[in-house]
Amino acid sequence: MKRGVFIFVVSISWALSLACDGQQPAVAAKADAEKADTLKLTSIEYLVTEHDFGKIKEGEKVSYRFEFKNTGKNNLIVKEVRTYCGCTASQYSKKPVVPGGKGFVEITFDSNQRQGKQEKHFAIATNTPQEYSVLTFSCEVEPKIN
C-alpha cells in the first residue's frame, strides 16, 4: 500500500514537472531576449548635460527635460536613473529608443526646506560602453519671507 502511494506521488510530481517545463522555455526565452537586448551596446548623445534653473523661491518645484539621441546601431535602453537626494524625482523614456531616435530624462527638484546655492547630480544607466552618465542641475533658492 505504501509503495503504491509512493509511486503515485512520484508519478504526479514527474507529470507536474513536465507540465511546468513546457511553459518555462517560453518565459525564459523572453527574459533572455530582453537581457540580450540590454547587452547590445550602442551610443548616446545628450543635447544638454547641465541646467541652471536660476533663482527660485523656497518651496517651489521646478522641472527640466534632458533630451538625448541614440547615435548607435542598436536600441538604447535607459536601465535606471539614480538621484542622490530625496528632493529630486525623475521620469524617463521607458521604451527602447531606436537608432537615430530621441528620448528624455525629466528631473523635478522640490526646493522645500532648501536655501542658497543648490547643485545636484544624477546618474543615468544605459546600455552604452560607459554605462553611467552623470548630469547636473543647479539653482539659487531664495528663502521664504514670512
C-alpha atoms as a PDB file:
ATOM      1  CA  MET A   1       0.000   0.000   0.000  1.00  0.00           C
ATOM      2  CA  LYS A   2       2.773   2.421   0.941  1.00  0.00           C
ATOM      3  CA  ARG A   3       4.637   1.505  -2.202  1.00  0.00           C
ATOM      4  CA  GLY A   4       1.563   2.270  -4.329  1.00  0.00           C
ATOM      5  CA  VAL A   5       1.119   5.718  -2.694  1.00  0.00           C
ATOM      6  CA  PHE A   6       4.822   6.433  -3.191  1.00  0.00           C
ATOM      7  CA  ILE A   7       4.665   5.531  -6.892  1.00  0.00           C
ATOM      8  CA  PHE A   8       1.518   7.637  -7.292  1.00  0.00           C
ATOM      9  CA  VAL A   9       3.139  10.717  -5.665  1.00  0.00           C
ATOM     10  CA  VAL A  10       6.309  10.319  -7.733  1.00  0.00           C
ATOM     11  CA  SER A  11       4.233   9.947 -10.927  1.00  0.00           C
ATOM     12  CA  ILE A  12       2.198  13.093 -10.182  1.00  0.00           C
ATOM     13  CA  SER A  13       5.351  15.062  -9.307  1.00  0.00           C
ATOM     14  CA  TRP A  14       7.004  13.952 -12.535  1.00  0.00           C
ATOM     15  CA  ALA A  15       3.917  14.874 -14.589  1.00  0.00           C
ATOM     16  CA  LEU A  16       3.714  18.318 -12.968  1.00  0.00           C
ATOM     17  CA  SER A  17       7.394  18.984 -13.569  1.00  0.00           C
ATOM     18  CA  LEU A  18       6.958  18.134 -17.260  1.00  0.00           C
ATOM     19  CA  ALA A  19       3.955  20.436 -17.478  1.00  0.00           C
ATOM     20  CA  CYS A  20       5.917  23.268 -15.873  1.00  0.00           C
ATOM     21  CA  ASP A  21       8.918  22.646 -18.084  1.00  0.00           C
ATOM     22  CA  GLY A  22       6.688  23.047 -21.099  1.00  0.00           C
ATOM     23  CA  GLN A  23       5.852  26.635 -20.064  1.00  0.00           C
ATOM     24  CA  GLN A  24       9.217  27.771 -18.748  1.00  0.00           C
ATOM     25  CA  PRO A  25      11.171  27.865 -22.020  1.00  0.00           C
ATOM     26  CA  ALA A  26       8.826  30.493 -23.474  1.00  0.00           C
ATOM     27  CA  VAL A  27       9.143  32.675 -20.372  1.00  0.00           C
ATOM     28  CA  ALA A  28      12.888  32.081 -20.190  1.00  0.00           C
ATOM     29  CA  ALA A  29      13.307  32.870 -23.901  1.00  0.00           C
ATOM     30  CA  LYS A  30      11.542  36.207 -23.467  1.00  0.00           C
ATOM     31  CA  ALA A  31      13.700  37.072 -20.433  1.00  0.00           C
ATOM     32  CA  ASP A  32      16.839  36.026 -22.329  1.00  0.00           C
ATOM     33  CA  ALA A  33      15.840  38.170 -25.323  1.00  0.00           C
ATOM     34  CA  GLU A  34      15.284  41.207 -23.092  1.00  0.00           C
ATOM     35  CA  LYS A  35      18.594  40.615 -21.336  1.00  0.00           C
ATOM     36  CA  ALA A  36      20.402  40.160 -24.658  1.00  0.00           C
ATOM     37  CA  ASP A  37      18.937  43.445 -25.921  1.00  0.00           C
ATOM     38  CA  THR A  38      20.394  45.303 -22.935  1.00  0.00           C
ATOM     39  CA  LEU A  39      23.780  43.668 -23.585  1.00  0.00           C
ATOM     40  CA  LYS A  40      23.946  45.046 -27.144  1.00  0.00           C
ATOM     41  CA  LEU A  41      25.846  48.282 -26.739  1.00  0.00           C
ATOM     42  CA  THR A  42      25.008  51.498 -28.525  1.00  0.00           C
ATOM     43  CA  SER A  43      25.964  55.151 -28.110  1.00  0.00           C
ATOM     44  CA  ILE A  44      24.217  58.203 -26.702  1.00  0.00           C
ATOM     45  CA  GLU A  45      24.486  61.935 -27.219  1.00  0.00           C
ATOM     46  CA  TYR A  46      22.984  64.357 -24.706  1.00  0.00           C
ATOM     47  CA  LEU A  47      21.790  67.664 -26.111  1.00  0.00           C
ATOM     48  CA  VAL A  48      22.499  69.291 -22.698  1.00  0.00           C
ATOM     49  CA  THR A  49      24.310  67.821 -19.674  1.00  0.00           C
ATOM     50  CA  GLU A  50      23.845  70.736 -17.251  1.00  0.00           C
ATOM     51  CA  HIS A  51      20.917  73.020 -16.486  1.00  0.00           C
ATOM     52  CA  ASP A  52      20.644  76.094 -14.265  1.00  0.00           C
ATOM     53  CA  PHE A  53      17.141  76.961 -13.045  1.00  0.00           C
ATOM     54  CA  GLY A  54      18.393  80.358 -11.889  1.00  0.00           C
ATOM     55  CA  LYS A  55      16.719  81.887  -8.830  1.00  0.00           C
ATOM     56  CA  ILE A  56      13.667  80.144  -7.420  1.00  0.00           C
ATOM     57  CA  LYS A  57      11.618  80.600  -4.253  1.00  0.00           C
ATOM     58  CA  GLU A  58      11.872  78.099  -1.393  1.00  0.00           C
ATOM     59  CA  GLY A  59       9.064  75.550  -1.698  1.00  0.00           C
ATOM     60  CA  GLU A  60       8.865  75.869  -5.484  1.00  0.00           C
ATOM     61  CA  LYS A  61       9.062  72.729  -7.656  1.00  0.00           C
ATOM     62  CA  VAL A  62      10.900  73.049 -10.965  1.00  0.00           C
ATOM     63  CA  SER A  63      11.411  70.530 -13.768  1.00  0.00           C
ATOM     64  CA  TYR A  64      13.737  70.186 -16.712  1.00  0.00           C
ATOM     65  CA  ARG A  65      13.740  67.632 -19.511  1.00  0.00           C
ATOM     66  CA  PHE A  66      17.211  66.470 -20.546  1.00  0.00           C
ATOM     67  CA  GLU A  67      16.972  65.057 -24.061  1.00  0.00           C
ATOM     68  CA  PHE A  68      19.280  62.555 -25.708  1.00  0.00           C
ATOM     69  CA  LYS A  69      19.719  60.881 -29.066  1.00  0.00           C
ATOM     70  CA  ASN A  70      20.600  57.268 -29.813  1.00  0.00           C
ATOM     71  CA  THR A  71      23.637  57.685 -32.083  1.00  0.00           C
ATOM     72  CA  GLY A  72      24.433  53.970 -32.243  1.00  0.00           C
ATOM     73  CA  LYS A  73      23.240  50.973 -34.227  1.00  0.00           C
ATOM     74  CA  ASN A  74      21.283  49.125 -31.503  1.00  0.00           C
ATOM     75  CA  ASN A  75      18.289  50.079 -29.393  1.00  0.00           C
ATOM     76  CA  LEU A  76      19.167  52.383 -26.493  1.00  0.00           C
ATOM     77  CA  ILE A  77      17.748  51.300 -23.151  1.00  0.00           C
ATOM     78  CA  VAL A  78      17.618  53.503 -20.060  1.00  0.00           C
ATOM     79  CA  LYS A  79      18.045  50.950 -17.271  1.00  0.00           C
ATOM     80  CA  GLU A  80      17.630  53.357 -14.360  1.00  0.00           C
ATOM     81  CA  VAL A  81      18.061  56.932 -13.180  1.00  0.00           C
ATOM     82  CA  ARG A  82      19.725  57.397  -9.802  1.00  0.00           C
ATOM     83  CA  THR A  83      19.055  60.592  -7.914  1.00  0.00           C
ATOM     84  CA  TYR A  84      21.061  61.147  -4.779  1.00  0.00           C
ATOM     85  CA  CYS A  85      18.663  63.391  -2.883  1.00  0.00           C
ATOM     86  CA  GLY A  86      15.097  62.935  -1.709  1.00  0.00           C
ATOM     87  CA  CYS A  87      14.398  66.394  -3.130  1.00  0.00           C
ATOM     88  CA  THR A  88      14.819  65.125  -6.691  1.00  0.00           C
ATOM     89  CA  ALA A  89      12.484  62.871  -8.681  1.00  0.00           C
ATOM     90  CA  SER A  90      12.815  61.553 -12.213  1.00  0.00           C
ATOM     91  CA  GLN A  91      10.844  60.242 -15.153  1.00  0.00           C
ATOM     92  CA  TYR A  92      12.429  58.830 -18.285  1.00  0.00           C
ATOM     93  CA  SER A  93      11.864  57.057 -21.580  1.00  0.00           C
ATOM     94  CA  LYS A  94      10.806  53.522 -20.610  1.00  0.00           C
ATOM     95  CA  LYS A  95      10.670  52.031 -24.102  1.00  0.00           C
ATOM     96  CA  PRO A  96      13.836  51.277 -26.070  1.00  0.00           C
ATOM     97  CA  VAL A  97      14.959  54.220 -28.217  1.00  0.00           C
ATOM     98  CA  VAL A  98      15.633  53.101 -31.796  1.00  0.00           C
ATOM     99  CA  PRO A  99      18.849  54.122 -33.591  1.00  0.00           C
ATOM    100  CA  GLY A 100      18.520  57.789 -34.561  1.00  0.00           C
ATOM    101  CA  GLY A 101      15.602  58.224 -32.153  1.00  0.00           C
ATOM    102  CA  LYS A 102      15.326  60.596 -29.209  1.00  0.00           C
ATOM    103  CA  GLY A 103      14.482  60.024 -25.561  1.00  0.00           C
ATOM    104  CA  PHE A 104      14.450  62.010 -22.345  1.00  0.00           C
ATOM    105  CA  VAL A 105      15.116  62.111 -18.636  1.00  0.00           C
ATOM    106  CA  GLU A 106      12.974  64.639 -16.773  1.00  0.00           C
ATOM    107  CA  ILE A 107      14.141  65.814 -13.369  1.00  0.00           C
ATOM    108  CA  THR A 108      11.911  67.559 -10.835  1.00  0.00           C
ATOM    109  CA  PHE A 109      13.525  69.422  -7.934  1.00  0.00           C
ATOM    110  CA  ASP A 110      11.496  70.265  -4.809  1.00  0.00           C
ATOM    111  CA  SER A 111      13.085  73.240  -3.055  1.00  0.00           C
ATOM    112  CA  ASN A 112      11.029  72.841   0.116  1.00  0.00           C
ATOM    113  CA  GLN A 113      13.281  73.443   3.162  1.00  0.00           C
ATOM    114  CA  ARG A 114      16.262  74.249   0.925  1.00  0.00           C
ATOM    115  CA  GLN A 115      18.038  77.581   0.743  1.00  0.00           C
ATOM    116  CA  GLY A 116      21.030  79.009  -1.059  1.00  0.00           C
ATOM    117  CA  LYS A 117      23.041  77.559  -3.910  1.00  0.00           C
ATOM    118  CA  GLN A 118      21.942  74.027  -4.838  1.00  0.00           C
ATOM    119  CA  GLU A 119      23.842  71.760  -7.210  1.00  0.00           C
ATOM    120  CA  LYS A 120      22.532  68.249  -7.731  1.00  0.00           C
ATOM    121  CA  HIS A 121      23.886  65.376  -9.775  1.00  0.00           C
ATOM    122  CA  PHE A 122      22.084  62.295 -11.027  1.00  0.00           C
ATOM    123  CA  ALA A 123      23.244  59.228 -12.934  1.00  0.00           C
ATOM    124  CA  ILE A 124      21.618  57.598 -15.941  1.00  0.00           C
ATOM    125  CA  ALA A 125      22.387  53.920 -16.600  1.00  0.00           C
ATOM    126  CA  THR A 126      22.175  52.864 -20.251  1.00  0.00           C
ATOM    127  CA  ASN A 127      23.447  50.085 -22.493  1.00  0.00           C
ATOM    128  CA  THR A 128      26.426  52.126 -23.669  1.00  0.00           C
ATOM    129  CA  PRO A 129      30.166  51.430 -23.238  1.00  0.00           C
ATOM    130  CA  GLN A 130      30.250  53.942 -20.378  1.00  0.00           C
ATOM    131  CA  GLU A 131      27.220  52.547 -18.556  1.00  0.00           C
ATOM    132  CA  TYR A 132      26.592  55.620 -16.367  1.00  0.00           C
ATOM    133  CA  SER A 133      26.338  59.236 -17.470  1.00  0.00           C
ATOM    134  CA  VAL A 134      26.218  61.965 -14.819  1.00  0.00           C
ATOM    135  CA  LEU A 135      24.125  65.076 -15.464  1.00  0.00           C
ATOM    136  CA  THR A 136      23.792  68.162 -13.276  1.00  0.00           C
ATOM    137  CA  PHE A 137      21.318  70.879 -12.442  1.00  0.00           C
ATOM    138  CA  SER A 138      21.667  73.880 -10.171  1.00  0.00           C
ATOM    139  CA  CYS A 139      19.687  76.796  -8.788  1.00  0.00           C
ATOM    140  CA  GLU A 140      19.723  79.513  -6.148  1.00  0.00           C
ATOM    141  CA  VAL A 141      16.908  79.018  -3.639  1.00  0.00           C
ATOM    142  CA  GLU A 142      15.729  82.264  -2.079  1.00  0.00           C
ATOM    143  CA  PRO A 143      14.255  81.845   1.426  1.00  0.00           C
ATOM    144  CA  LYS A 144      10.555  82.298   2.094  1.00  0.00           C
ATOM    145  CA  ILE A 145       9.635  85.620   3.607  1.00  0.00           C
ATOM    146  CA  ASN A 146       7.208  85.042   6.453  1.00  0.00           C
END
